[in-house]
Amino acid sequence: MASVINDIIQKGKAEGILKAEERFKQKEKQWYKEKNALNKERNALETENGEMVSTFVIIAQKLMLNHDLSARQACDQLGYSANIRKKVLPFLMS
């Protein structure tokens, strides 16, 4: 009788472990999908950011050429914030 009970307990433990492993695999797949989605979103935002910086640089360059301004003066006239200046000025001064 004790061996039958032990067999039942062992089978129950084995089934519990298998179910836990299956749940972990499902969660792992879900995390992987979420990670991929976040990476795609980050890449899209980085691309968009680069395009905006390029646009800001072009606008400032046109202003510099048309009004004979320095890079800093063009940024001043365009009202660029300090964060935008950090990204734009290296392209304007090179």
PDB file of N, CA and C in Angstrom:
ATOM      1  N   MET A   1       0.821  -1.199   0.000  1.00  0.00           N
ATOM      2  CA  MET A   1       0.000   0.000   0.000  1.00  0.00           C
ATOM      3  C   MET A   1       0.865   1.264   0.000  1.00  0.00           C
ATOM      4  N   ALA A   2       1.929   1.249   0.777  1.00  0.00           N
ATOM      5  CA  ALA A   2       2.820   2.406   0.857  1.00  0.00           C
ATOM      6  C   ALA A   2       3.486   2.660  -0.486  1.00  0.00           C
ATOM      7  N   SER A   3       3.835   1.564  -1.202  1.00  0.00           N
ATOM      8  CA  SER A   3       4.479   1.747  -2.502  1.00  0.00           C
ATOM      9  C   SER A   3       3.511   2.333  -3.529  1.00  0.00           C
ATOM     10  N   VAL A   4       2.234   1.982  -3.438  1.00  0.00           N
ATOM     11  CA  VAL A   4       1.221   2.554  -4.335  1.00  0.00           C
ATOM     12  C   VAL A   4       1.080   4.043  -4.068  1.00  0.00           C
ATOM     13  N   ILE A   5       1.049   4.410  -2.802  1.00  0.00           N
ATOM     14  CA  ILE A   5       0.933   5.833  -2.440  1.00  0.00           C
ATOM     15  C   ILE A   5       2.175   6.589  -2.909  1.00  0.00           C
ATOM     16  N   ASN A   6       3.339   5.999  -2.713  1.00  0.00           N
ATOM     17  CA  ASN A   6       4.587   6.641  -3.172  1.00  0.00           C
ATOM     18  C   ASN A   6       4.594   6.802  -4.688  1.00  0.00           C
ATOM     19  N   ASP A   7       4.103   5.792  -5.418  1.00  0.00           N
ATOM     20  CA  ASP A   7       4.015   5.901  -6.875  1.00  0.00           C
ATOM     21  C   ASP A   7       3.105   7.050  -7.286  1.00  0.00           C
ATOM     22  N   ILE A   8       1.976   7.174  -6.619  1.00  0.00           N
ATOM     23  CA  ILE A   8       1.024   8.260  -6.922  1.00  0.00           C
ATOM     24  C   ILE A   8       1.678   9.615  -6.639  1.00  0.00           C
ATOM     25  N   ILE A   9       2.371   9.709  -5.523  1.00  0.00           N
ATOM     26  CA  ILE A   9       3.039  10.968  -5.162  1.00  0.00           C
ATOM     27  C   ILE A   9       4.117  11.311  -6.194  1.00  0.00           C
ATOM     28  N   GLN A  10       4.896  10.323  -6.599  1.00  0.00           N
ATOM     29  CA  GLN A  10       5.961  10.556  -7.579  1.00  0.00           C
ATOM     30  C   GLN A  10       5.385  10.995  -8.926  1.00  0.00           C
ATOM     31  N   LYS A  11       4.304  10.335  -9.345  1.00  0.00           N
ATOM     32  CA  LYS A  11       3.665  10.724 -10.612  1.00  0.00           C
ATOM     33  C   LYS A  11       3.111  12.141 -10.516  1.00  0.00           C
ATOM     34  N   GLY A  12       2.526  12.474  -9.377  1.00  0.00           N
ATOM     35  CA  GLY A  12       2.001  13.825  -9.179  1.00  0.00           C
ATOM     36  C   GLY A  12       3.098  14.871  -9.238  1.00  0.00           C
ATOM     37  N   LYS A  13       4.233  14.568  -8.605  1.00  0.00           N
ATOM     38  CA  LYS A  13       5.371  15.496  -8.642  1.00  0.00           C
ATOM     39  C   LYS A  13       5.874  15.667 -10.070  1.00  0.00           C
ATOM     40  N   ALA A  14       5.994  14.571 -10.785  1.00  0.00           N
ATOM     41  CA  ALA A  14       6.483  14.617 -12.168  1.00  0.00           C
ATOM     42  C   ALA A  14       5.541  15.434 -13.047  1.00  0.00           C
ATOM     43  N   GLU A  15       4.234  15.218 -12.877  1.00  0.00           N
ATOM     44  CA  GLU A  15       3.255  15.980 -13.661  1.00  0.00           C
ATOM     45  C   GLU A  15       3.314  17.461 -13.299  1.00  0.00           C
ATOM     46  N   GLY A  16       3.487  17.752 -12.019  1.00  0.00           N
ATOM     47  CA  GLY A  16       3.593  19.148 -11.580  1.00  0.00           C
ATOM     48  C   GLY A  16       4.812  19.827 -12.171  1.00  0.00           C
ATOM     49  N   ILE A  17       5.917  19.108 -12.212  1.00  0.00           N
ATOM     50  CA  ILE A  17       7.149  19.663 -12.792  1.00  0.00           C
ATOM     51  C   ILE A  17       6.953  19.920 -14.283  1.00  0.00           C
ATOM     52  N   LEU A  18       6.333  18.972 -14.974  1.00  0.00           N
ATOM     53  CA  LEU A  18       6.096  19.153 -16.411  1.00  0.00           C
ATOM     54  C   LEU A  18       5.194  20.348 -16.678  1.00  0.00           C
ATOM     55  N   LYS A  19       4.153  20.511 -15.875  1.00  0.00           N
ATOM     56  CA  LYS A  19       3.247  21.655 -16.053  1.00  0.00           C
ATOM     57  C   LYS A  19       3.982  22.966 -15.783  1.00  0.00           C
ATOM     58  N   ALA A  20       4.814  22.969 -14.742  1.00  0.00           N
ATOM     59  CA  ALA A  20       5.574  24.187 -14.427  1.00  0.00           C
ATOM     60  C   ALA A  20       6.543  24.516 -15.552  1.00  0.00           C
ATOM     61  N   GLU A  21       7.206  23.506 -16.108  1.00  0.00           N
ATOM     62  CA  GLU A  21       8.123  23.735 -17.222  1.00  0.00           C
ATOM     63  C   GLU A  21       7.388  24.268 -18.442  1.00  0.00           C
ATOM     64  N   GLU A  22       6.213  23.741 -18.704  1.00  0.00           N
ATOM     65  CA  GLU A  22       5.414  24.201 -19.846  1.00  0.00           C
ATOM     66  C   GLU A  22       4.996  25.659 -19.658  1.00  0.00           C
ATOM     67  N   ARG A  23       4.570  26.016 -18.433  1.00  0.00           N
ATOM     68  CA  ARG A  23       4.194  27.411 -18.152  1.00  0.00           C
ATOM     69  C   ARG A  23       5.397  28.331 -18.320  1.00  0.00           C
ATOM     70  N   PHE A  24       6.554  27.873 -17.870  1.00  0.00           N
ATOM     71  CA  PHE A  24       7.766  28.677 -18.021  1.00  0.00           C
ATOM     72  C   PHE A  24       8.091  28.889 -19.493  1.00  0.00           C
ATOM     73  N   LYS A  25       7.979  27.844 -20.289  1.00  0.00           N
ATOM     74  CA  LYS A  25       8.248  27.961 -21.721  1.00  0.00           C
ATOM     75  C   LYS A  25       7.283  28.943 -22.382  1.00  0.00           C
ATOM     76  N   GLN A  26       6.014  28.898 -21.981  1.00  0.00           N
ATOM     77  CA  GLN A  26       5.030  29.833 -22.539  1.00  0.00           C
ATOM     78  C   GLN A  26       5.375  31.267 -22.160  1.00  0.00           C
ATOM     79  N   LYS A  27       5.749  31.472 -20.896  1.00  0.00           N
ATOM     80  CA  LYS A  27       6.129  32.824 -20.449  1.00  0.00           C
ATOM     81  C   LYS A  27       7.391  33.289 -21.179  1.00  0.00           C
ATOM     82  N   GLU A  28       8.323  32.372 -21.359  1.00  0.00           N
ATOM     83  CA  GLU A  28       9.558  32.713 -22.055  1.00  0.00           C
ATOM     84  C   GLU A  28       9.271  33.151 -23.489  1.00  0.00           C
ATOM     85  N   LYS A  29       8.371  32.449 -24.163  1.00  0.00           N
ATOM     86  CA  LYS A  29       7.983  32.837 -25.525  1.00  0.00           C
ATOM     87  C   LYS A  29       7.329  34.212 -25.521  1.00  0.00           C
ATOM     88  N   GLN A  30       6.480  34.460 -24.534  1.00  0.00           N
ATOM     89  CA  GLN A  30       5.801  35.759 -24.422  1.00  0.00           C
ATOM     90  C   GLN A  30       6.832  36.866 -24.189  1.00  0.00           C
ATOM     91  N   TRP A  31       7.786  36.632 -23.309  1.00  0.00           N
ATOM     92  CA  TRP A  31       8.828  37.634 -23.050  1.00  0.00           C
ATOM     93  C   TRP A  31       9.655  37.896 -24.298  1.00  0.00           C
ATOM     94  N   TYR A  32       9.957  36.849 -25.033  1.00  0.00           N
ATOM     95  CA  TYR A  32      10.731  36.995 -26.264  1.00  0.00           C
ATOM     96  C   TYR A  32       9.981  37.852 -27.277  1.00  0.00           C
ATOM     97  N   LYS A  33       8.675  37.607 -27.407  1.00  0.00           N
ATOM     98  CA  LYS A  33       7.866  38.408 -28.333  1.00  0.00           C
ATOM     99  C   LYS A  33       7.822  39.866 -27.888  1.00  0.00           C
ATOM    100  N   GLU A  34       7.649  40.092 -26.583  1.00  0.00           N
ATOM    101  CA  GLU A  34       7.616  41.454 -26.061  1.00  0.00           C
ATOM    102  C   GLU A  34       8.958  42.153 -26.277  1.00  0.00           C
ATOM    103  N   LYS A  35      10.049  41.406 -26.059  1.00  0.00           N
ATOM    104  CA  LYS A  35      11.380  41.978 -26.262  1.00  0.00           C
ATOM    105  C   LYS A  35      11.575  42.373 -27.718  1.00  0.00           C
ATOM    106  N   ASN A  36      11.160  41.517 -28.635  1.00  0.00           N
ATOM    107  CA  ASN A  36      11.274  41.835 -30.064  1.00  0.00           C
ATOM    108  C   ASN A  36      10.444  43.060 -30.429  1.00  0.00           C
ATOM    109  N   ALA A  37       9.233  43.144 -29.878  1.00  0.00           N
ATOM    110  CA  ALA A  37       8.370  44.295 -30.155  1.00  0.00           C
ATOM    111  C   ALA A  37       9.010  45.577 -29.631  1.00  0.00           C
ATOM    112  N   LEU A  38       9.574  45.519 -28.436  1.00  0.00           N
ATOM    113  CA  LEU A  38      10.229  46.701 -27.874  1.00  0.00           C
ATOM    114  C   LEU A  38      11.470  47.089 -28.676  1.00  0.00           C
ATOM    115  N   ASN A  39      12.228  46.103 -29.143  1.00  0.00           N
ATOM    116  CA  ASN A  39      13.396  46.403 -29.971  1.00  0.00           C
ATOM    117  C   ASN A  39      12.989  47.061 -31.281  1.00  0.00           C
ATOM    118  N   LYS A  40      11.915  46.570 -31.889  1.00  0.00           N
ATOM    119  CA  LYS A  40      11.430  47.178 -33.130  1.00  0.00           C
ATOM    120  C   LYS A  40      10.988  48.614 -32.882  1.00  0.00           C
ATOM    121  N   GLU A  41      10.291  48.835 -31.779  1.00  0.00           N
ATOM    122  CA  GLU A  41       9.827  50.184 -31.448  1.00  0.00           C
ATOM    123  C   GLU A  41      11.018  51.111 -31.191  1.00  0.00           C
ATOM    124  N   ARG A  42      12.023  50.609 -30.462  1.00  0.00           N
ATOM    125  CA  ARG A  42      13.213  51.414 -30.192  1.00  0.00           C
ATOM    126  C   ARG A  42      13.932  51.765 -31.492  1.00  0.00           C
ATOM    127  N   ASN A  43      14.070  50.801 -32.385  1.00  0.00           N
ATOM    128  CA  ASN A  43      14.735  51.055 -33.668  1.00  0.00           C
ATOM    129  C   ASN A  43      13.979  52.083 -34.488  1.00  0.00           C
ATOM    130  N   ALA A  44      12.657  51.994 -34.473  1.00  0.00           N
ATOM    131  CA  ALA A  44      11.848  52.964 -35.208  1.00  0.00           C
ATOM    132  C   ALA A  44      12.030  54.364 -34.628  1.00  0.00           C
ATOM    133  N   LEU A  45      12.070  54.454 -33.299  1.00  0.00           N
ATOM    134  CA  LEU A  45      12.261  55.760 -32.661  1.00  0.00           C
ATOM    135  C   LEU A  45      13.652  56.316 -32.940  1.00  0.00           C
ATOM    136  N   GLU A  46      14.658  55.453 -32.955  1.00  0.00           N
ATOM    137  CA  GLU A  46      16.018  55.914 -33.270  1.00  0.00           C
ATOM    138  C   GLU A  46      16.100  56.422 -34.704  1.00  0.00           C
ATOM    139  N   THR A  47      15.435  55.741 -35.615  1.00  0.00           N
ATOM    140  CA  THR A  47      15.407  56.186 -37.008  1.00  0.00           C
ATOM    141  C   THR A  47      14.701  57.527 -37.127  1.00  0.00           C
ATOM    142  N   GLU A  48      13.572  57.640 -36.450  1.00  0.00           N
ATOM    143  CA  GLU A  48      12.809  58.888 -36.478  1.00  0.00           C
ATOM    144  C   GLU A  48      13.634  60.026 -35.883  1.00  0.00           C
ATOM    145  N   ASN A  49      14.327  59.754 -34.793  1.00  0.00           N
ATOM    146  CA  ASN A  49      15.172  60.765 -34.157  1.00  0.00           C
ATOM    147  C   ASN A  49      16.262  61.222 -35.115  1.00  0.00           C
ATOM    148  N   GLY A  50      16.894  60.280 -35.793  1.00  0.00           N
ATOM    149  CA  GLY A  50      17.939  60.626 -36.762  1.00  0.00           C
ATOM    150  C   GLY A  50      17.407  61.472 -37.900  1.00  0.00           C
ATOM    151  N   GLU A  51      16.211  61.149 -38.366  1.00  0.00           N
ATOM    152  CA  GLU A  51      15.607  61.932 -39.447  1.00  0.00           C
ATOM    153  C   GLU A  51      15.296  63.350 -38.990  1.00  0.00           C
ATOM    154  N   MET A  52      14.829  63.486 -37.747  1.00  0.00           N
ATOM    155  CA  MET A  52      14.528  64.827 -37.241  1.00  0.00           C
ATOM    156  C   MET A  52      15.797  65.654 -37.091  1.00  0.00           C
ATOM    157  N   VAL A  53      16.864  65.034 -36.588  1.00  0.00           N
ATOM    158  CA  VAL A  53      18.130  65.755 -36.449  1.00  0.00           C
ATOM    159  C   VAL A  53      18.614  66.204 -37.820  1.00  0.00           C
ATOM    160  N   SER A  54      18.499  65.332 -38.800  1.00  0.00           N
ATOM    161  CA  SER A  54      18.908  65.697 -40.160  1.00  0.00           C
ATOM    162  C   SER A  54      18.113  66.891 -40.664  1.00  0.00           C
ATOM    163  N   THR A  55      16.836  66.893 -40.401  1.00  0.00           N
ATOM    164  CA  THR A  55      15.984  68.008 -40.819  1.00  0.00           C
ATOM    165  C   THR A  55      16.400  69.290 -40.123  1.00  0.00           C
ATOM    166  N   PHE A  56      16.663  69.213 -38.809  1.00  0.00           N
ATOM    167  CA  PHE A  56      17.096  70.403 -38.068  1.00  0.00           C
ATOM    168  C   PHE A  56      18.426  70.926 -38.606  1.00  0.00           C
ATOM    169  N   VAL A  57      19.317  70.034 -38.967  1.00  0.00           N
ATOM    170  CA  VAL A  57      20.615  70.435 -39.515  1.00  0.00           C
ATOM    171  C   VAL A  57      20.419  71.149 -40.852  1.00  0.00           C
ATOM    172  N   ILE A  58      19.593  70.587 -41.700  1.00  0.00           N
ATOM    173  CA  ILE A  58      19.358  71.192 -43.027  1.00  0.00           C
ATOM    174  C   ILE A  58      18.747  72.582 -42.894  1.00  0.00           C
ATOM    175  N   ILE A  59      17.785  72.713 -41.999  1.00  0.00           N
ATOM    176  CA  ILE A  59      17.145  74.026 -41.794  1.00  0.00           C
ATOM    177  C   ILE A  59      18.182  75.045 -41.320  1.00  0.00           C
ATOM    178  N   ALA A  60      19.007  74.635 -40.354  1.00  0.00           N
ATOM    179  CA  ALA A  60      20.035  75.549 -39.838  1.00  0.00           C
ATOM    180  C   ALA A  60      21.059  75.894 -40.914  1.00  0.00           C
ATOM    181  N   GLN A  61      21.447  74.913 -41.730  1.00  0.00           N
ATOM    182  CA  GLN A  61      22.409  75.178 -42.801  1.00  0.00           C
ATOM    183  C   GLN A  61      21.854  76.178 -43.803  1.00  0.00           C
ATOM    184  N   LYS A  62      20.603  76.039 -44.151  1.00  0.00           N
ATOM    185  CA  LYS A  62      19.986  76.990 -45.090  1.00  0.00           C
ATOM    186  C   LYS A  62      19.983  78.393 -44.508  1.00  0.00           C
ATOM    187  N   LEU A  63      19.647  78.487 -43.235  1.00  0.00           N
ATOM    188  CA  LEU A  63      19.633  79.791 -42.578  1.00  0.00           C
ATOM    189  C   LEU A  63      21.049  80.377 -42.526  1.00  0.00           C
ATOM    190  N   MET A  64      22.033  79.537 -42.252  1.00  0.00           N
ATOM    191  CA  MET A  64      23.422  80.000 -42.215  1.00  0.00           C
ATOM    192  C   MET A  64      23.857  80.543 -43.570  1.00  0.00           C
ATOM    193  N   LEU A  65      23.511  79.827 -44.626  1.00  0.00           N
ATOM    194  CA  LEU A  65      23.910  80.249 -45.970  1.00  0.00           C
ATOM    195  C   LEU A  65      23.158  81.494 -46.424  1.00  0.00           C
ATOM    196  N   ASN A  66      21.863  81.521 -46.192  1.00  0.00           N
ATOM    197  CA  ASN A  66      21.038  82.631 -46.681  1.00  0.00           C
ATOM    198  C   ASN A  66      21.278  83.935 -45.929  1.00  0.00           C
ATOM    199  N   HIS A  67      21.686  83.835 -44.661  1.00  0.00           N
ATOM    200  CA  HIS A  67      21.829  85.053 -43.855  1.00  0.00           C
ATOM    201  C   HIS A  67      23.242  85.233 -43.310  1.00  0.00           C
ATOM    202  N   ASP A  68      24.172  84.457 -43.830  1.00  0.00           N
ATOM    203  CA  ASP A  68      25.577  84.552 -43.435  1.00  0.00           C
ATOM    204  C   ASP A  68      25.730  84.520 -41.912  1.00  0.00           C
ATOM    205  N   LEU A  69      25.192  83.447 -41.297  1.00  0.00           N
ATOM    206  CA  LEU A  69      25.230  83.298 -39.844  1.00  0.00           C
ATOM    207  C   LEU A  69      26.167  82.168 -39.451  1.00  0.00           C
ATOM    208  N   SER A  70      26.626  82.239 -38.205  1.00  0.00           N
ATOM    209  CA  SER A  70      27.389  81.112 -37.661  1.00  0.00           C
ATOM    210  C   SER A  70      26.402  80.018 -37.245  1.00  0.00           C
ATOM    211  N   ALA A  71      26.930  78.872 -36.927  1.00  0.00           N
ATOM    212  CA  ALA A  71      26.077  77.760 -36.515  1.00  0.00           C
ATOM    213  C   ALA A  71      25.307  78.122 -35.241  1.00  0.00           C
ATOM    214  N   ARG A  72      25.983  78.737 -34.295  1.00  0.00           N
ATOM    215  CA  ARG A  72      25.323  79.114 -33.035  1.00  0.00           C
ATOM    216  C   ARG A  72      24.246  80.178 -33.275  1.00  0.00           C
ATOM    217  N   GLN A  73      24.525  81.123 -34.139  1.00  0.00           N
ATOM    218  CA  GLN A  73      23.539  82.164 -34.438  1.00  0.00           C
ATOM    219  C   GLN A  73      22.300  81.555 -35.108  1.00  0.00           C
ATOM    220  N   ALA A  74      22.523  80.627 -36.003  1.00  0.00           N
ATOM    221  CA  ALA A  74      21.391  79.974 -36.670  1.00  0.00           C
ATOM    222  C   ALA A  74      20.537  79.216 -35.653  1.00  0.00           C
ATOM    223  N   CYS A  75      21.205  78.516 -34.745  1.00  0.00           N
ATOM    224  CA  CYS A  75      20.458  77.783 -33.702  1.00  0.00           C
ATOM    225  C   CYS A  75      19.689  78.754 -32.810  1.00  0.00           C
ATOM    226  N   ASP A  76      20.301  79.900 -32.513  1.00  0.00           N
ATOM    227  CA  ASP A  76      19.618  80.918 -31.711  1.00  0.00           C
ATOM    228  C   ASP A  76      18.366  81.406 -32.422  1.00  0.00           C
ATOM    229  N   GLN A  77      18.507  81.738 -33.696  1.00  0.00           N
ATOM    230  CA  GLN A  77      17.363  82.267 -34.437  1.00  0.00           C
ATOM    231  C   GLN A  77      16.261  81.228 -34.589  1.00  0.00           C
ATOM    232  N   LEU A  78      16.648  79.964 -34.695  1.00  0.00           N
ATOM    233  CA  LEU A  78      15.646  78.901 -34.836  1.00  0.00           C
ATOM    234  C   LEU A  78      15.052  78.493 -33.494  1.00  0.00           C
ATOM    235  N   GLY A  79      15.638  78.965 -32.414  1.00  0.00           N
ATOM    236  CA  GLY A  79      15.108  78.670 -31.086  1.00  0.00           C
ATOM    237  C   GLY A  79      15.329  77.222 -30.654  1.00  0.00           C
ATOM    238  N   TYR A  80      16.425  76.630 -31.117  1.00  0.00           N
ATOM    239  CA  TYR A  80      16.705  75.242 -30.751  1.00  0.00           C
ATOM    240  C   TYR A  80      17.021  75.147 -29.260  1.00  0.00           C
ATOM    241  N   SER A  81      16.483  74.131 -28.617  1.00  0.00           N
ATOM    242  CA  SER A  81      16.752  73.896 -27.205  1.00  0.00           C
ATOM    243  C   SER A  81      18.178  73.388 -27.038  1.00  0.00           C
ATOM    244  N   ALA A  82      18.638  73.326 -25.804  1.00  0.00           N
ATOM    245  CA  ALA A  82      19.994  72.860 -25.520  1.00  0.00           C
ATOM    246  C   ALA A  82      20.196  71.422 -25.991  1.00  0.00           C
ATOM    247  N   ASN A  83      19.191  70.586 -25.828  1.00  0.00           N
ATOM    248  CA  ASN A  83      19.307  69.186 -26.265  1.00  0.00           C
ATOM    249  C   ASN A  83      19.440  69.075 -27.778  1.00  0.00           C
ATOM    250  N   ILE A  84      18.676  69.878 -28.487  1.00  0.00           N
ATOM    251  CA  ILE A  84      18.754  69.840 -29.952  1.00  0.00           C
ATOM    252  C   ILE A  84      20.091  70.404 -30.414  1.00  0.00           C
ATOM    253  N   ARG A  85      20.558  71.456 -29.752  1.00  0.00           N
ATOM    254  CA  ARG A  85      21.861  72.039 -30.115  1.00  0.00           C
ATOM    255  C   ARG A  85      22.980  71.014 -29.975  1.00  0.00           C
ATOM    256  N   LYS A  86      22.934  70.207 -28.907  1.00  0.00           N
ATOM    257  CA  LYS A  86      23.972  69.190 -28.690  1.00  0.00           C
ATOM    258  C   LYS A  86      24.045  68.215 -29.853  1.00  0.00           C
ATOM    259  N   LYS A  87      22.900  67.950 -30.454  1.00  0.00           N
ATOM    260  CA  LYS A  87      22.861  67.000 -31.564  1.00  0.00           C
ATOM    261  C   LYS A  87      23.157  67.659 -32.904  1.00  0.00           C
ATOM    262  N   VAL A  88      22.766  68.918 -33.060  1.00  0.00           N
ATOM    263  CA  VAL A  88      22.865  69.597 -34.350  1.00  0.00           C
ATOM    264  C   VAL A  88      24.224  70.266 -34.565  1.00  0.00           C
ATOM    265  N   LEU A  89      24.752  70.913 -33.544  1.00  0.00           N
ATOM    266  CA  LEU A  89      25.980  71.693 -33.726  1.00  0.00           C
ATOM    267  C   LEU A  89      27.170  70.899 -34.244  1.00  0.00           C
ATOM    268  N   PRO A  90      27.383  69.657 -33.810  1.00  0.00           N
ATOM    269  CA  PRO A  90      28.536  68.931 -34.378  1.00  0.00           C
ATOM    270  C   PRO A  90      28.448  68.776 -35.905  1.00  0.00           C
ATOM    271  N   PHE A  91      27.275  68.659 -36.443  1.00  0.00           N
ATOM    272  CA  PHE A  91      27.115  68.531 -37.893  1.00  0.00           C
ATOM    273  C   PHE A  91      27.308  69.877 -38.592  1.00  0.00           C
ATOM    274  N   LEU A  92      26.942  70.949 -37.915  1.00  0.00           N
ATOM    275  CA  LEU A  92      27.046  72.276 -38.519  1.00  0.00           C
ATOM    276  C   LEU A  92      28.480  72.804 -38.490  1.00  0.00           C
ATOM    277  N   MET A  93      29.253  72.356 -37.508  1.00  0.00           N
ATOM    278  CA  MET A  93      30.602  72.892 -37.317  1.00  0.00           C
ATOM    279  C   MET A  93      31.681  72.014 -37.948  1.00  0.00           C
ATOM    280  N   SER A  94      31.296  70.910 -38.526  1.00  0.00           N
ATOM    281  CA  SER A  94      32.319  70.031 -39.106  1.00  0.00           C
ATOM    282  C   SER A  94      32.647  70.423 -40.526  1.00  0.00           C
TER     283      SER A  94
END
